[in-house]
Amino acid sequence: MRTPENGTGGKPAAAGPAGAGTALAAGADLARYREAVADLLVEVAGVAGTGRRRLTSTVVANRAGDPDLRAVWRGTPDGADGTVERLLQEIAGYLPSARSSAIDLLAMVRIFLLSRVDVLWWGDTEEFRTDLDVRRSAELVDLEPLRRAGRLRFRYLRQAESLPARAARAARRRLVPDLLPRTAGLRFPRTRPAVLAMLDRLAVQFAAISPGAAGPLWVTSLVRSRAHQDHLRQLGYTALLPSAHCTGHAADIELAWHRRHGTDTALGMLLLDRQRAGEVNVIDEGQAWHVCVSPAAVAACAPRLAPVG
């Protein structure tokens, strides 16, 4: 059985390890957590540029006792000490890759630390283990019928699966490189109803604050299976574990395309505003920004969500 989407975002405390509900009840302050992360990154920046992993690991180990950091880490399945151990393993195994959104060691540490908010919220929710699990899940909404009916306010591309489709897309990029975002497209055009509601709401808000924008909100990634996440890691992408993509609670929103059209600042400010409101967790990953819906936002929109599709 999958964990229900309730206000805690995880299993009942009596049923397993301390989850998101336990940590939030204990008073984890996400604003203070993000400030503590920023302070840690300032220290890491002083050594990470040298490429010396040992010094970066030393900084992390020295800051591991920070109560504002541990307040969040305690609520994740790894616990506080396990989170530090996992981060040290990521540092030890980090390899620069043109495919990775973590362009250097500092970026990897930043993305890892900010992603722990996602893990706090959804780390106890069972992952979609295989692609078949994603395709068959009754918890996810199919976007294609909604798109064909004109009921989506955001846009996305599907992955080009055939050789002719890939060739046509490559030709279009050469002829009109800025017409569409430079993305492989969605492997699975499916998501949770709460994420769909969040994306539609963001698209409406973005259109309201940027009436002259060259285009709408573009979504470049949604749900992934754990098997696919593991495959991405092997290919050199920044595919951290656990991931809210693997529980269906996250999306990646294109920023680079809007940067080329001069509307990225408005979009970025909107996403950060929704983060301050407690609706999402946001991670700047360069070309796209990772956005994870919060348990509070899921609970707030649940009464309004009618069956779709």
Protein backbone atom coordinates (compact mmCIF):
# COMPACT_ATOMS: atom_id res chain seq x y z
CA MET A 1 0.00 0.00 0.00
CA ARG A 2 1.22 3.48 -0.79
CA THR A 3 1.32 6.10 1.91
CA PRO A 4 -1.79 8.29 1.65
CA GLU A 5 -1.38 11.95 0.81
CA ASN A 6 -2.26 13.31 4.20
CA GLY A 7 -1.16 16.43 5.99
CA THR A 8 1.95 14.82 7.43
CA GLY A 9 3.21 13.60 4.07
CA GLY A 10 4.27 10.27 5.54
CA LYS A 11 3.33 7.17 7.47
CA PRO A 12 1.79 7.49 10.94
CA ALA A 13 4.54 7.80 13.52
CA ALA A 14 3.57 4.54 15.19
CA ALA A 15 3.94 2.65 11.91
CA GLY A 16 7.60 3.34 11.27
CA PRO A 17 10.54 5.71 11.69
CA ALA A 18 9.96 9.36 12.51
CA GLY A 19 8.62 11.07 9.37
CA ALA A 20 7.67 14.50 8.15
CA GLY A 21 4.81 14.95 10.60
CA THR A 22 7.05 14.19 13.59
CA ALA A 23 9.76 16.61 12.46
CA LEU A 24 7.35 19.44 11.68
CA ALA A 25 5.65 18.98 15.05
CA ALA A 26 9.08 19.23 16.66
CA GLY A 27 9.41 22.73 15.24
CA ALA A 28 11.70 22.46 12.21
CA ASP A 29 11.94 26.04 10.89
CA LEU A 30 12.54 25.91 7.14
CA ALA A 31 13.49 29.58 6.86
CA ARG A 32 16.17 29.10 9.50
CA TYR A 33 17.23 25.85 7.82
CA ARG A 34 17.77 27.63 4.50
CA GLU A 35 19.75 30.37 6.28
CA ALA A 36 21.92 27.71 7.93
CA VAL A 37 22.45 26.07 4.53
CA ALA A 38 23.51 29.44 3.08
CA ASP A 39 26.03 29.90 5.91
CA LEU A 40 27.45 26.41 5.35
CA LEU A 41 27.77 27.07 1.62
CA VAL A 42 29.80 30.22 2.27
CA GLU A 43 32.31 28.05 4.12
CA VAL A 44 32.25 25.35 1.45
CA ALA A 45 32.82 27.98 -1.25
CA GLY A 46 36.14 28.80 0.37
CA VAL A 47 37.46 25.28 -0.21
CA ALA A 48 35.34 23.61 -2.90
CA GLY A 49 36.91 25.67 -5.68
CA THR A 50 40.24 24.02 -4.97
CA GLY A 51 38.75 20.62 -5.79
CA ARG A 52 39.88 19.27 -2.44
CA ARG A 53 37.12 16.95 -1.33
CA ARG A 54 38.70 16.38 2.07
CA LEU A 55 38.39 20.05 3.03
CA THR A 56 34.79 20.18 1.81
CA SER A 57 33.99 17.08 3.86
CA THR A 58 35.67 18.65 6.89
CA VAL A 59 33.51 21.77 6.61
CA VAL A 60 30.37 19.65 6.38
CA ALA A 61 31.40 17.50 9.34
CA ASN A 62 32.22 20.58 11.44
CA ARG A 63 28.81 22.14 10.74
CA ALA A 64 26.87 18.90 11.20
CA GLY A 65 25.92 19.80 14.76
CA ASP A 66 24.08 22.99 13.77
CA PRO A 67 20.65 22.68 15.47
CA ASP A 68 18.83 24.42 12.59
CA LEU A 69 20.24 21.87 10.15
CA ARG A 70 19.61 18.89 12.39
CA ALA A 71 16.01 19.95 13.06
CA VAL A 72 15.24 19.15 9.42
CA TRP A 73 17.59 16.21 9.02
CA ARG A 74 16.09 14.42 12.03
CA GLY A 75 12.76 14.23 10.25
CA THR A 76 14.13 12.42 7.19
CA PRO A 77 14.34 8.62 6.89
CA ASP A 78 18.15 8.81 7.18
CA GLY A 79 18.01 10.82 10.40
CA ALA A 80 20.52 13.56 11.17
CA ASP A 81 23.66 11.42 11.30
CA GLY A 82 22.58 9.38 8.32
CA THR A 83 22.02 12.54 6.28
CA VAL A 84 25.55 13.72 7.04
CA GLU A 85 26.90 10.31 6.06
CA ARG A 86 24.94 10.35 2.81
CA LEU A 87 26.21 13.85 1.96
CA LEU A 88 29.80 12.83 2.65
CA GLN A 89 29.32 9.86 0.32
CA GLU A 90 27.97 12.19 -2.39
CA ILE A 91 31.01 14.46 -1.95
CA ALA A 92 33.39 11.50 -2.17
CA GLY A 93 31.71 10.19 -5.31
CA TYR A 94 31.12 13.50 -7.07
CA LEU A 95 32.32 13.66 -10.67
CA PRO A 96 31.80 16.76 -12.85
CA SER A 97 29.56 16.05 -15.83
CA ALA A 98 28.20 18.14 -18.69
CA ARG A 99 24.86 16.46 -18.02
CA SER A 100 24.74 17.42 -14.36
CA SER A 101 22.93 20.46 -12.95
CA ALA A 102 25.61 20.41 -10.22
CA ILE A 103 28.29 22.20 -12.22
CA ASP A 104 30.79 21.89 -9.38
CA LEU A 105 31.16 20.45 -5.89
CA LEU A 106 29.63 23.52 -4.26
CA ALA A 107 26.51 23.23 -6.43
CA MET A 108 26.18 19.56 -5.57
CA VAL A 109 26.32 20.29 -1.83
CA ARG A 110 23.76 23.10 -2.24
CA ILE A 111 21.32 20.97 -4.23
CA PHE A 112 21.69 18.07 -1.78
CA LEU A 113 21.06 20.22 1.29
CA LEU A 114 18.04 22.01 -0.16
CA SER A 115 16.58 18.72 -1.41
CA ARG A 116 16.42 17.49 2.19
CA VAL A 117 13.30 19.65 2.60
CA ASP A 118 11.64 17.45 -0.04
CA VAL A 119 12.83 14.40 1.88
CA LEU A 120 11.50 15.81 5.14
CA TRP A 121 8.08 16.16 3.53
CA TRP A 122 7.86 13.00 1.41
CA GLY A 123 10.75 10.75 2.42
CA ASP A 124 8.42 8.22 4.07
CA THR A 125 6.15 8.00 1.03
CA GLU A 126 6.72 4.85 -1.02
CA GLU A 127 8.48 5.44 -4.32
CA PHE A 128 7.29 4.33 -7.72
CA ARG A 129 9.89 1.63 -8.16
CA THR A 130 9.51 0.83 -11.86
CA ASP A 131 8.27 2.54 -15.00
CA LEU A 132 5.34 0.14 -14.97
CA ASP A 133 4.40 1.36 -11.48
CA VAL A 134 4.27 4.92 -12.84
CA ARG A 135 2.15 3.97 -15.84
CA ARG A 136 -0.33 1.92 -13.82
CA SER A 137 -0.71 4.07 -10.72
CA ALA A 138 -4.24 5.26 -9.97
CA GLU A 139 -2.73 8.03 -7.82
CA LEU A 140 -1.46 9.88 -10.91
CA VAL A 141 -3.34 11.96 -13.46
CA ASP A 142 -2.76 11.57 -17.22
CA LEU A 143 -1.94 14.96 -18.75
CA GLU A 144 -2.37 14.13 -22.43
CA PRO A 145 -6.21 14.10 -22.41
CA LEU A 146 -6.17 17.39 -20.50
CA ARG A 147 -3.75 18.93 -22.98
CA ARG A 148 -5.81 17.81 -25.96
CA ALA A 149 -8.90 19.31 -24.34
CA GLY A 150 -7.13 22.64 -23.74
CA ARG A 151 -7.42 22.28 -19.97
CA LEU A 152 -3.76 22.80 -19.07
CA ARG A 153 -2.37 26.28 -18.45
CA PHE A 154 1.27 25.16 -18.66
CA ARG A 155 3.10 23.45 -21.50
CA TYR A 156 5.45 20.51 -21.86
CA LEU A 157 7.16 18.42 -24.50
CA ARG A 158 6.97 14.63 -24.69
CA GLN A 159 10.14 12.62 -25.08
CA ALA A 160 10.79 11.85 -28.74
CA GLU A 161 10.80 8.06 -28.74
CA SER A 162 11.25 7.20 -32.43
CA LEU A 163 14.24 7.99 -34.64
CA PRO A 164 12.18 10.15 -37.07
CA ALA A 165 10.72 12.13 -34.14
CA ARG A 166 14.19 12.75 -32.68
CA ALA A 167 15.51 13.81 -36.08
CA ALA A 168 12.61 16.22 -36.60
CA ARG A 169 13.15 17.77 -33.16
CA ALA A 170 16.89 18.16 -33.79
CA ALA A 171 16.19 19.85 -37.14
CA ARG A 172 13.74 22.25 -35.53
CA ARG A 173 16.30 23.20 -32.87
CA ARG A 174 18.84 24.00 -35.59
CA LEU A 175 16.40 26.12 -37.61
CA VAL A 176 14.68 27.96 -34.73
CA PRO A 177 16.81 27.31 -31.63
CA ASP A 178 14.78 29.50 -29.27
CA LEU A 179 11.31 28.45 -30.33
CA LEU A 180 11.02 25.80 -27.59
CA PRO A 181 13.01 24.91 -24.46
CA ARG A 182 16.06 22.72 -25.01
CA THR A 183 14.80 19.70 -23.12
CA ALA A 184 14.40 16.01 -23.80
CA GLY A 185 10.77 16.24 -22.69
CA LEU A 186 8.64 14.28 -20.27
CA ARG A 187 9.18 10.55 -20.05
CA PHE A 188 5.83 10.22 -18.26
CA PRO A 189 3.16 12.92 -18.81
CA ARG A 190 1.58 12.04 -15.47
CA THR A 191 1.55 13.68 -12.05
CA ARG A 192 -0.35 13.88 -8.79
CA PRO A 193 -3.51 16.01 -8.72
CA ALA A 194 -1.96 18.40 -6.19
CA VAL A 195 1.09 18.97 -8.41
CA LEU A 196 -1.18 19.54 -11.40
CA ALA A 197 -3.14 22.12 -9.39
CA MET A 198 0.10 23.79 -8.27
CA LEU A 199 1.46 24.04 -11.82
CA ASP A 200 -1.77 25.40 -13.24
CA ARG A 201 -1.90 28.00 -10.46
CA LEU A 202 1.71 29.01 -11.05
CA ALA A 203 1.04 29.31 -14.79
CA VAL A 204 -1.92 31.63 -14.16
CA GLN A 205 0.08 33.76 -11.72
CA PHE A 206 3.03 33.98 -14.09
CA ALA A 207 0.80 35.09 -16.95
CA ALA A 208 -0.70 37.77 -14.69
CA ILE A 209 2.65 39.27 -13.67
CA SER A 210 4.31 38.89 -17.10
CA PRO A 211 1.66 39.74 -19.69
CA GLY A 212 4.37 40.38 -22.28
CA ALA A 213 6.13 37.04 -21.74
CA ALA A 214 7.22 35.26 -24.91
CA GLY A 215 5.58 32.05 -23.75
CA PRO A 216 3.93 30.20 -20.88
CA LEU A 217 5.24 28.14 -18.00
CA TRP A 218 7.17 25.14 -19.34
CA VAL A 219 7.48 21.93 -17.32
CA THR A 220 10.47 19.76 -18.19
CA SER A 221 10.21 16.89 -15.70
CA LEU A 222 7.56 15.32 -13.49
CA VAL A 223 7.27 11.85 -11.96
CA ARG A 224 10.11 9.36 -12.37
CA SER A 225 10.48 5.76 -11.31
CA ARG A 226 13.25 4.87 -8.91
CA ALA A 227 14.71 2.67 -11.65
CA HIS A 228 14.89 5.66 -14.00
CA GLN A 229 16.37 7.86 -11.26
CA ASP A 230 19.12 5.27 -10.75
CA HIS A 231 19.71 5.23 -14.52
CA LEU A 232 20.06 9.04 -14.57
CA ARG A 233 22.65 8.83 -11.77
CA GLN A 234 24.64 6.33 -13.81
CA LEU A 235 24.57 8.70 -16.79
CA GLY A 236 26.04 11.54 -14.71
CA TYR A 237 22.93 13.59 -13.95
CA THR A 238 22.32 15.11 -10.53
CA ALA A 239 19.70 12.55 -9.55
CA LEU A 240 19.84 12.53 -5.77
CA LEU A 241 18.18 10.01 -3.48
CA PRO A 242 15.59 9.94 -2.08
CA SER A 243 13.80 12.11 -4.65
CA ALA A 244 10.34 13.69 -4.59
CA HIS A 245 10.24 13.00 -8.34
CA CYS A 246 10.05 9.30 -7.45
CA THR A 247 6.98 9.87 -5.25
CA GLY A 248 5.32 12.15 -7.81
CA HIS A 249 5.48 15.32 -5.70
CA ALA A 250 8.02 17.31 -7.75
CA ALA A 251 8.31 19.07 -11.08
CA ASP A 252 11.11 20.87 -12.91
CA ILE A 253 10.21 24.25 -14.40
CA GLU A 254 12.23 25.68 -17.31
CA LEU A 255 14.08 28.93 -16.53
CA ALA A 256 16.79 29.07 -19.21
CA TRP A 257 14.25 29.56 -22.03
CA HIS A 258 12.70 32.49 -20.17
CA ARG A 259 16.19 33.81 -19.44
CA ARG A 260 16.79 34.08 -23.18
CA HIS A 261 13.49 35.98 -23.48
CA GLY A 262 14.05 38.24 -20.46
CA THR A 263 11.24 36.89 -18.27
CA ASP A 264 13.20 34.60 -15.96
CA THR A 265 13.43 37.12 -13.10
CA ALA A 266 9.66 37.41 -12.79
CA LEU A 267 9.26 33.62 -12.86
CA GLY A 268 12.03 33.06 -10.32
CA MET A 269 10.56 35.66 -7.96
CA LEU A 270 7.14 34.02 -8.25
CA LEU A 271 8.56 30.60 -7.31
CA LEU A 272 10.46 32.02 -4.34
CA ASP A 273 7.34 33.87 -3.21
CA ARG A 274 5.41 30.58 -3.22
CA GLN A 275 8.26 29.04 -1.22
CA ARG A 276 8.03 31.79 1.42
CA ALA A 277 4.30 31.08 1.60
CA GLY A 278 5.08 27.46 2.51
CA GLU A 279 3.52 25.99 -0.62
CA VAL A 280 6.66 24.60 -2.28
CA ASN A 281 10.35 23.91 -1.90
CA VAL A 282 12.44 25.47 -4.68
CA ILE A 283 15.95 24.57 -5.86
CA ASP A 284 17.72 26.57 -8.55
CA GLU A 285 19.32 23.95 -10.81
CA GLY A 286 20.35 26.29 -13.61
CA GLN A 287 18.38 25.50 -16.74
CA ALA A 288 15.37 24.42 -14.71
CA TRP A 289 14.24 25.01 -11.15
CA HIS A 290 13.11 22.03 -9.12
CA VAL A 291 9.78 22.61 -7.35
CA CYS A 292 8.29 20.24 -4.76
CA VAL A 293 4.77 20.70 -3.41
CA SER A 294 4.45 20.83 0.39
CA PRO A 295 2.17 18.65 2.53
CA ALA A 296 0.39 21.83 3.67
CA ALA A 297 -0.36 22.77 0.05
CA VAL A 298 -1.58 19.24 -0.69
CA ALA A 299 -3.90 19.34 2.33
CA ALA A 300 -5.18 22.81 1.42
CA CYS A 301 -6.13 21.90 -2.13
CA ALA A 302 -7.43 18.37 -1.44
CA PRO A 303 -11.05 19.46 -0.79
CA ARG A 304 -11.09 21.34 -4.12
CA LEU A 305 -9.64 18.53 -6.24
CA ALA A 306 -12.30 16.73 -8.23
CA PRO A 307 -11.44 13.64 -10.27
CA VAL A 308 -9.82 14.73 -13.53
CA GLY A 309 -9.37 13.06 -16.90
